[in-house]
């Protein structure tokens, strides 16, 4: 029996984490799987090689899982929207392959962590 895969930064829902784990290639490291709010995206998986996105789309039959290699990402944005006192929603936008992917989560900690993990792979470290 293979070793259990560790999700280094955590996950929101076990079934979503299981879906992402099934798609990992040998040696791939899974950082996080975050549940997303609103229309468009079901979850965001972050690995050391790519983003794995469950795109629920606007129609029930258009559900798909998409892999976005870091080399295809051309822009990343993040922010917070404050809804009520003590309540916020984090947002993350990723532009890749001519498409814009928008992610929203309750609180801004998850989208901030996702932003930082993605940027680790896009911005080279200084020697």
Protein backbone atom coordinates (compact mmCIF):
# COMPACT_ATOMS: atom_id res chain seq x y z
CA UNK A 1 0.00 0.00 0.00
CA UNK A 2 1.47 3.41 -0.99
CA UNK A 3 2.34 5.99 1.63
CA UNK A 4 -0.46 8.48 2.33
CA UNK A 5 -0.02 11.78 0.54
CA UNK A 6 0.51 14.75 2.82
CA UNK A 7 -1.22 18.05 2.16
CA UNK A 8 1.38 20.42 3.61
CA UNK A 9 -0.77 23.53 4.11
CA UNK A 10 -4.08 21.73 4.60
CA UNK A 11 -7.40 21.31 2.82
CA UNK A 12 -11.03 22.30 3.32
CA UNK A 13 -12.90 19.18 2.19
CA UNK A 14 -11.65 15.59 2.23
CA UNK A 15 -13.41 14.62 -1.02
CA UNK A 16 -11.75 17.50 -2.87
CA UNK A 17 -8.33 16.57 -1.47
CA UNK A 18 -8.91 12.97 -2.56
CA UNK A 19 -9.73 14.10 -6.12
CA UNK A 20 -6.51 16.10 -6.34
CA UNK A 21 -4.40 13.29 -4.84
CA UNK A 22 -5.66 10.96 -7.60
CA UNK A 23 -4.21 13.34 -10.20
CA UNK A 24 -0.72 13.72 -8.77
CA UNK A 25 2.26 12.35 -10.66
CA UNK A 26 5.12 10.52 -8.93
CA UNK A 27 7.13 12.87 -6.74
CA UNK A 28 4.67 15.77 -6.96
CA UNK A 29 4.22 17.65 -3.66
CA UNK A 30 0.72 18.78 -2.69
CA UNK A 31 0.64 22.06 -0.76
CA UNK A 32 -3.09 22.75 -0.38
CA UNK A 33 -6.61 22.13 -1.64
CA UNK A 34 -8.98 25.03 -1.02
CA UNK A 35 -12.74 25.05 -1.48
CA UNK A 36 -13.88 28.07 -3.46
CA UNK A 37 -17.07 30.09 -3.15
CA UNK A 38 -19.39 31.39 -5.84
CA UNK A 39 -19.82 30.51 -9.47
CA UNK A 40 -17.06 29.17 -11.64
CA UNK A 41 -14.63 27.24 -9.51
CA UNK A 42 -15.20 24.30 -7.17
CA UNK A 43 -11.69 24.03 -5.70
CA UNK A 44 -8.07 25.01 -6.16
CA UNK A 45 -5.26 22.49 -5.64
CA UNK A 46 -1.71 23.80 -5.36
CA UNK A 47 1.31 21.57 -5.97
CA UNK A 48 4.99 22.18 -6.52
CA UNK A 49 4.43 21.83 -10.30
CA UNK A 50 1.00 23.21 -11.13
CA UNK A 51 -2.43 24.36 -10.06
CA UNK A 52 -5.26 21.82 -10.28
CA UNK A 53 -8.61 23.54 -10.70
CA UNK A 54 -12.13 22.12 -10.54
CA UNK A 55 -14.01 24.42 -12.87
CA UNK A 56 -17.73 24.05 -12.29
CA UNK A 57 -18.55 26.54 -15.02
CA UNK A 58 -21.99 28.01 -15.40
CA UNK A 59 -23.74 24.86 -16.61
CA UNK A 60 -24.04 21.57 -14.79
CA UNK A 61 -22.59 19.57 -17.69
CA UNK A 62 -19.50 21.78 -18.04
CA UNK A 63 -17.65 20.55 -14.93
CA UNK A 64 -14.00 19.79 -15.58
CA UNK A 65 -10.65 19.51 -13.84
CA UNK A 66 -7.89 21.61 -15.37
CA UNK A 67 -4.13 21.54 -14.71
CA UNK A 68 -2.34 24.86 -15.04
CA UNK A 69 1.47 24.50 -15.16
CA UNK A 70 3.31 27.39 -13.50
CA UNK A 71 5.11 28.16 -16.76
CA UNK A 72 1.72 29.09 -18.31
CA UNK A 73 0.83 31.65 -15.62
CA UNK A 74 1.37 35.23 -16.75
CA UNK A 75 -0.28 37.24 -13.94
CA UNK A 76 -1.53 36.71 -10.38
CA UNK A 77 -3.59 39.07 -8.23
CA UNK A 78 -4.99 38.87 -4.71
CA UNK A 79 -7.17 40.96 -2.43
CA UNK A 80 -9.78 41.06 0.31
CA UNK A 81 -13.38 42.22 0.28
CA UNK A 82 -14.87 43.11 3.64
CA UNK A 83 -18.55 42.21 3.72
CA UNK A 84 -19.57 42.79 7.34
CA UNK A 85 -17.76 43.68 10.52
CA UNK A 86 -15.38 40.79 11.18
CA UNK A 87 -16.28 39.06 7.91
CA UNK A 88 -14.08 39.03 4.84
CA UNK A 89 -13.74 37.18 1.58
CA UNK A 90 -10.38 36.56 -0.03
CA UNK A 91 -9.92 36.64 -3.76
CA UNK A 92 -7.23 35.35 -6.10
CA UNK A 93 -7.00 35.81 -9.86
CA UNK A 94 -4.70 33.81 -12.11
CA UNK A 95 -4.18 34.58 -15.79
CA UNK A 96 -2.91 31.59 -17.76
CA UNK A 97 -3.20 30.41 -21.33
CA UNK A 98 -5.43 33.29 -22.36
CA UNK A 99 -7.94 32.59 -19.56
CA UNK A 100 -8.63 34.33 -16.28
CA UNK A 101 -9.31 32.08 -13.29
CA UNK A 102 -10.96 33.70 -10.25
CA UNK A 103 -11.06 32.09 -6.82
CA UNK A 104 -12.92 33.29 -3.72
CA UNK A 105 -12.77 31.87 -0.22
CA UNK A 106 -14.14 32.72 3.18
CA UNK A 107 -11.51 34.81 4.93
CA UNK A 108 -8.41 35.99 3.14
CA UNK A 109 -5.81 33.66 4.71
CA UNK A 110 -6.27 30.88 2.17
CA UNK A 111 -6.05 33.11 -0.88
CA UNK A 112 -3.02 34.88 0.62
CA UNK A 113 -1.32 31.52 1.17
CA UNK A 114 -2.24 30.42 -2.37
CA UNK A 115 -0.81 33.68 -3.76
CA UNK A 116 2.47 33.20 -1.88
CA UNK A 117 2.81 29.54 -2.93
CA UNK A 118 2.23 30.47 -6.58
CA UNK A 119 4.68 33.37 -6.42
CA UNK A 120 7.36 31.05 -5.00
CA UNK A 121 7.35 29.36 -8.41
CA UNK A 122 7.08 32.50 -10.54
CA UNK A 123 9.62 34.81 -8.93
CA UNK A 124 13.21 33.52 -8.95
CA UNK A 125 15.08 33.62 -5.65
CA UNK A 126 18.00 36.02 -5.39
CA UNK A 127 21.40 34.30 -5.08
